[in-house]
PDB file of all heavy atoms in Angstrom:
ATOM      1  N   GLY A   1     153.970  99.374 101.253  1.00  0.00           N
ATOM      2  CA  GLY A   1     154.415  98.314 102.170  1.00  0.00           C
ATOM      3  C   GLY A   1     153.582  97.045 102.060  1.00  0.00           C
ATOM      4  O   GLY A   1     154.021  95.950 102.361  1.00  0.00           O
ATOM      5  N   PHE A   2     152.297  97.183 101.653  1.00  0.00           N
ATOM      6  CA  PHE A   2     151.403  96.058 101.657  1.00  0.00           C
ATOM      7  C   PHE A   2     150.857  95.632 100.312  1.00  0.00           C
ATOM      8  O   PHE A   2     150.179  94.622 100.211  1.00  0.00           O
ATOM      9  CB  PHE A   2     150.212  96.359 102.616  1.00  0.00           C
ATOM     10  CG  PHE A   2     150.554  96.321 104.058  1.00  0.00           C
ATOM     11  CD1 PHE A   2     150.790  97.520 104.745  1.00  0.00           C
ATOM     12  CD2 PHE A   2     150.702  95.151 104.749  1.00  0.00           C
ATOM     13  CE1 PHE A   2     151.141  97.486 106.086  1.00  0.00           C
ATOM     14  CE2 PHE A   2     151.066  95.098 106.058  1.00  0.00           C
ATOM     15  CZ  PHE A   2     151.261  96.279 106.733  1.00  0.00           C
ATOM     16  N   ALA A   3     151.153  96.419  99.253  1.00  0.00           N
ATOM     17  CA  ALA A   3     150.551  96.175  97.950  1.00  0.00           C
ATOM     18  C   ALA A   3     150.708  94.763  97.463  1.00  0.00           C
ATOM     19  O   ALA A   3     149.752  94.163  96.911  1.00  0.00           O
ATOM     20  CB  ALA A   3     151.118  97.153  96.930  1.00  0.00           C
ATOM     21  N   LYS A   4     151.895  94.157  97.648  1.00  0.00           N
ATOM     22  CA  LYS A   4     152.168  92.837  97.091  1.00  0.00           C
ATOM     23  C   LYS A   4     151.507  91.714  97.874  1.00  0.00           C
ATOM     24  O   LYS A   4     151.450  90.582  97.456  1.00  0.00           O
ATOM     25  CB  LYS A   4     153.656  92.582  97.020  1.00  0.00           C
ATOM     26  CG  LYS A   4     154.387  93.508  96.032  1.00  0.00           C
ATOM     27  CD  LYS A   4     155.882  93.238  96.024  1.00  0.00           C
ATOM     28  CE  LYS A   4     156.597  94.130  95.025  1.00  0.00           C
ATOM     29  NZ  LYS A   4     158.047  93.871  94.998  1.00  0.00           N
ATOM     30  N   GLU A   5     150.942  92.036  99.067  1.00  0.00           N
ATOM     31  CA  GLU A   5     150.383  91.014  99.927  1.00  0.00           C
ATOM     32  C   GLU A   5     148.843  91.073 100.021  1.00  0.00           C
ATOM     33  O   GLU A   5     148.233  90.311 100.722  1.00  0.00           O
ATOM     34  CB  GLU A   5     150.941  91.135 101.346  1.00  0.00           C
ATOM     35  CG  GLU A   5     152.465  91.011 101.444  1.00  0.00           C
ATOM     36  CD  GLU A   5     152.974  91.275 102.825  1.00  0.00           C
ATOM     37  OE1 GLU A   5     152.251  91.911 103.643  1.00  0.00           O
ATOM     38  OE2 GLU A   5     154.112  90.868 103.141  1.00  0.00           O
ATOM     39  N   CYS A   6     148.252  92.018  99.275  1.00  0.00           N
ATOM     40  CA  CYS A   6     146.810  92.256  99.410  1.00  0.00           C
ATOM     41  C   CYS A   6     145.978  91.225  98.639  1.00  0.00           C
ATOM     42  O   CYS A   6     146.217  90.969  97.463  1.00  0.00           O
ATOM     43  CB  CYS A   6     146.431  93.670  98.963  1.00  0.00           C
ATOM     44  SG  CYS A   6     146.991  94.928 100.102  1.00  0.00           S
ATOM     45  N   ALA A   7     144.945  90.691  99.312  1.00  0.00           N
ATOM     46  CA  ALA A   7     143.911  89.936  98.588  1.00  0.00           C
ATOM     47  C   ALA A   7     142.799  90.876  98.263  1.00  0.00           C
ATOM     48  O   ALA A   7     142.324  91.631  99.134  1.00  0.00           O
ATOM     49  CB  ALA A   7     143.389  88.808  99.520  1.00  0.00           C
ATOM     50  N   VAL A   8     142.284  90.858  97.021  1.00  0.00           N
ATOM     51  CA  VAL A   8     141.326  91.831  96.541  1.00  0.00           C
ATOM     52  C   VAL A   8     140.020  91.152  96.172  1.00  0.00           C
ATOM     53  O   VAL A   8     139.984  90.158  95.450  1.00  0.00           O
ATOM     54  CB  VAL A   8     141.914  92.566  95.314  1.00  0.00           C
ATOM     55  CG1 VAL A   8     140.951  93.670  94.858  1.00  0.00           C
ATOM     56  CG2 VAL A   8     143.301  93.136  95.599  1.00  0.00           C
ATOM     57  N   VAL A   9     138.932  91.695  96.668  1.00  0.00           N
ATOM     58  CA  VAL A   9     137.599  91.174  96.336  1.00  0.00           C
ATOM     59  C   VAL A   9     137.055  92.035  95.202  1.00  0.00           C
ATOM     60  O   VAL A   9     136.967  93.249  95.272  1.00  0.00           O
ATOM     61  CB  VAL A   9     136.620  91.289  97.540  1.00  0.00           C
ATOM     62  CG1 VAL A   9     135.247  90.787  97.141  1.00  0.00           C
ATOM     63  CG2 VAL A   9     137.171  90.519  98.721  1.00  0.00           C
ATOM     64  N   THR A  10     136.734  91.392  94.074  1.00  0.00           N
ATOM     65  CA  THR A  10     136.278  92.104  92.882  1.00  0.00           C
ATOM     66  C   THR A  10     134.816  91.887  92.561  1.00  0.00           C
ATOM     67  O   THR A  10     134.155  92.725  91.944  1.00  0.00           O
ATOM     68  CB  THR A  10     137.118  91.664  91.666  1.00  0.00           C
ATOM     69  OG1 THR A  10     136.976  90.252  91.479  1.00  0.00           O
ATOM     70  CG2 THR A  10     138.579  92.027  91.839  1.00  0.00           C
ATOM     71  N   HIS A  11     134.241  90.734  92.980  1.00  0.00           N
ATOM     72  CA  HIS A  11     132.845  90.399  92.673  1.00  0.00           C
ATOM     73  C   HIS A  11     132.122  89.963  93.950  1.00  0.00           C
ATOM     74  O   HIS A  11     132.742  89.518  94.937  1.00  0.00           O
ATOM     75  CB  HIS A  11     132.791  89.291  91.634  1.00  0.00           C
ATOM     76  CG  HIS A  11     133.281  89.672  90.297  1.00  0.00           C
ATOM     77  ND1 HIS A  11     134.622  89.862  89.997  1.00  0.00           N
ATOM     78  CD2 HIS A  11     132.598  89.934  89.146  1.00  0.00           C
ATOM     79  CE1 HIS A  11     134.761  90.215  88.727  1.00  0.00           C
ATOM     80  NE2 HIS A  11     133.538  90.260  88.174  1.00  0.00           N
ATOM     81  N   HIS A  12     130.782  90.012  93.862  1.00  0.00           N
ATOM     82  CA  HIS A  12     130.014  89.638  95.077  1.00  0.00           C
ATOM     83  C   HIS A  12     129.027  88.509  94.802  1.00  0.00           C
ATOM     84  O   HIS A  12     128.138  88.237  95.640  1.00  0.00           O
ATOM     85  CB  HIS A  12     129.240  90.877  95.593  1.00  0.00           C
ATOM     86  CG  HIS A  12     128.171  91.382  94.687  1.00  0.00           C
ATOM     87  ND1 HIS A  12     126.914  90.831  94.596  1.00  0.00           N
ATOM     88  CD2 HIS A  12     128.188  92.417  93.758  1.00  0.00           C
ATOM     89  CE1 HIS A  12     126.187  91.515  93.736  1.00  0.00           C
ATOM     90  NE2 HIS A  12     126.974  92.467  93.150  1.00  0.00           N
ATOM     91  N   ARG A  13     129.143  87.809  93.663  1.00  0.00           N
ATOM     92  CA  ARG A  13     128.192  86.767  93.407  1.00  0.00           C
ATOM     93  C   ARG A  13     128.757  85.723  92.466  1.00  0.00           C
ATOM     94  O   ARG A  13     129.571  86.004  91.597  1.00  0.00           O
ATOM     95  CB  ARG A  13     126.915  87.369  92.760  1.00  0.00           C
ATOM     96  CG  ARG A  13     125.760  86.402  92.619  1.00  0.00           C
ATOM     97  CD  ARG A  13     124.458  87.120  92.262  1.00  0.00           C
ATOM     98  NE  ARG A  13     124.541  87.862  91.005  1.00  0.00           N
ATOM     99  CZ  ARG A  13     124.210  89.166  90.884  1.00  0.00           C
ATOM    100  NH1 ARG A  13     123.808  89.849  91.947  1.00  0.00           N
ATOM    101  NH2 ARG A  13     124.263  89.753  89.729  1.00  0.00           N
ATOM    102  N   LEU A  14     128.328  84.474  92.683  1.00  0.00           N
ATOM    103  CA  LEU A  14     128.653  83.344  91.784  1.00  0.00           C
ATOM    104  C   LEU A  14     127.406  82.956  90.994  1.00  0.00           C
ATOM    105  O   LEU A  14     126.296  83.297  91.343  1.00  0.00           O
ATOM    106  CB  LEU A  14     129.159  82.153  92.587  1.00  0.00           C
ATOM    107  CG  LEU A  14     130.401  82.331  93.423  1.00  0.00           C
ATOM    108  CD1 LEU A  14     130.635  81.088  94.273  1.00  0.00           C
ATOM    109  CD2 LEU A  14     131.593  82.625  92.576  1.00  0.00           C
ATOM    110  N   MET A  15     127.656  82.202  89.922  1.00  0.00           N
ATOM    111  CA  MET A  15     126.535  81.685  89.130  1.00  0.00           C
ATOM    112  C   MET A  15     126.947  80.377  88.514  1.00  0.00           C
ATOM    113  O   MET A  15     128.137  80.015  88.438  1.00  0.00           O
ATOM    114  CB  MET A  15     126.176  82.707  87.993  1.00  0.00           C
ATOM    115  CG  MET A  15     127.308  82.965  87.037  1.00  0.00           C
ATOM    116  SD  MET A  15     126.869  84.119  85.736  1.00  0.00           S
ATOM    117  CE  MET A  15     125.857  83.093  84.688  1.00  0.00           C
ATOM    118  N   ASN A  16     125.966  79.562  88.125  1.00  0.00           N
ATOM    119  CA  ASN A  16     126.250  78.347  87.395  1.00  0.00           C
ATOM    120  C   ASN A  16     126.727  78.680  85.999  1.00  0.00           C
ATOM    121  O   ASN A  16     126.129  79.520  85.286  1.00  0.00           O
ATOM    122  CB  ASN A  16     125.002  77.446  87.332  1.00  0.00           C
ATOM    123  CG  ASN A  16     124.679  76.842  88.673  1.00  0.00           C
ATOM    124  OD1 ASN A  16     125.550  76.392  89.366  1.00  0.00           O
ATOM    125  ND2 ASN A  16     123.367  76.794  89.010  1.00  0.00           N
ATOM    126  N   ASP A  17     127.781  78.033  85.570  1.00  0.00           N
ATOM    127  CA  ASP A  17     128.340  78.273  84.252  1.00  0.00           C
ATOM    128  C   ASP A  17     127.338  77.758  83.176  1.00  0.00           C
ATOM    129  O   ASP A  17     126.937  76.591  83.229  1.00  0.00           O
ATOM    130  CB  ASP A  17     129.672  77.526  84.101  1.00  0.00           C
ATOM    131  CG  ASP A  17     130.352  77.810  82.795  1.00  0.00           C
ATOM    132  OD1 ASP A  17     129.799  78.531  81.953  1.00  0.00           O
ATOM    133  OD2 ASP A  17     131.477  77.307  82.614  1.00  0.00           O
ATOM    134  N   PRO A  18     126.911  78.630  82.245  1.00  0.00           N
ATOM    135  CA  PRO A  18     125.980  78.228  81.196  1.00  0.00           C
ATOM    136  C   PRO A  18     126.497  77.058  80.400  1.00  0.00           C
ATOM    137  O   PRO A  18     125.730  76.293  79.828  1.00  0.00           O
ATOM    138  CB  PRO A  18     125.826  79.487  80.353  1.00  0.00           C
ATOM    139  CG  PRO A  18     126.182  80.621  81.229  1.00  0.00           C
ATOM    140  CD  PRO A  18     127.246  80.083  82.153  1.00  0.00           C
ATOM    141  N   ASP A  19     127.853  76.928  80.327  1.00  0.00           N
ATOM    142  CA  ASP A  19     128.483  75.846  79.542  1.00  0.00           C
ATOM    143  C   ASP A  19     128.627  74.569  80.375  1.00  0.00           C
ATOM    144  O   ASP A  19     129.243  73.616  79.897  1.00  0.00           O
ATOM    145  CB  ASP A  19     129.829  76.293  79.021  1.00  0.00           C
ATOM    146  CG  ASP A  19     129.709  77.476  78.063  1.00  0.00           C
ATOM    147  OD1 ASP A  19     128.659  77.570  77.365  1.00  0.00           O
ATOM    148  OD2 ASP A  19     130.609  78.335  78.062  1.00  0.00           O
ATOM    149  N   GLY A  20     128.125  74.603  81.604  1.00  0.00           N
ATOM    150  CA  GLY A  20     128.134  73.377  82.392  1.00  0.00           C
ATOM    151  C   GLY A  20     129.472  73.076  83.047  1.00  0.00           C
ATOM    152  O   GLY A  20     129.720  71.951  83.430  1.00  0.00           O
ATOM    153  N   ASN A  21     130.294  74.094  83.250  1.00  0.00           N
ATOM    154  CA  ASN A  21     131.632  73.886  83.904  1.00  0.00           C
ATOM    155  C   ASN A  21     131.608  74.275  85.367  1.00  0.00           C
ATOM    156  O   ASN A  21     132.584  74.832  85.873  1.00  0.00           O
ATOM    157  CB  ASN A  21     132.688  74.707  83.133  1.00  0.00           C
ATOM    158  CG  ASN A  21     132.880  74.209  81.710  1.00  0.00           C
ATOM    159  OD1 ASN A  21     132.887  73.019  81.484  1.00  0.00           O
ATOM    160  ND2 ASN A  21     132.981  75.137  80.777  1.00  0.00           N
ATOM    161  N   GLY A  22     130.513  73.992  86.047  1.00  0.00           N
ATOM    162  CA  GLY A  22     130.464  74.270  87.471  1.00  0.00           C
ATOM    163  C   GLY A  22     130.051  75.694  87.754  1.00  0.00           C
ATOM    164  O   GLY A  22     129.310  76.327  87.022  1.00  0.00           O
ATOM    165  N   VAL A  23     130.623  76.253  88.865  1.00  0.00           N
ATOM    166  CA  VAL A  23     130.294  77.580  89.303  1.00  0.00           C
ATOM    167  C   VAL A  23     131.348  78.580  88.848  1.00  0.00           C
ATOM    168  O   VAL A  23     132.544  78.275  88.895  1.00  0.00           O
ATOM    169  CB  VAL A  23     130.181  77.606  90.853  1.00  0.00           C
ATOM    170  CG1 VAL A  23     129.908  78.997  91.370  1.00  0.00           C
ATOM    171  CG2 VAL A  23     129.095  76.664  91.343  1.00  0.00           C
ATOM    172  N   VAL A  24     130.905  79.709  88.387  1.00  0.00           N
ATOM    173  CA  VAL A  24     131.845  80.792  87.921  1.00  0.00           C
ATOM    174  C   VAL A  24     131.413  82.095  88.538  1.00  0.00           C
ATOM    175  O   VAL A  24     130.294  82.233  89.081  1.00  0.00           O
ATOM    176  CB  VAL A  24     131.847  80.883  86.386  1.00  0.00           C
ATOM    177  CG1 VAL A  24     132.392  79.650  85.744  1.00  0.00           C
ATOM    178  CG2 VAL A  24     130.445  81.218  85.856  1.00  0.00           C
TER     179      VAL A  24
END
């Protein structure tokens, strides 16, 4: 009933992109 509406958290941290494209 809810599968298509779920927001899923997969990661717990951001980092600066080594290639200089902001935060990834």
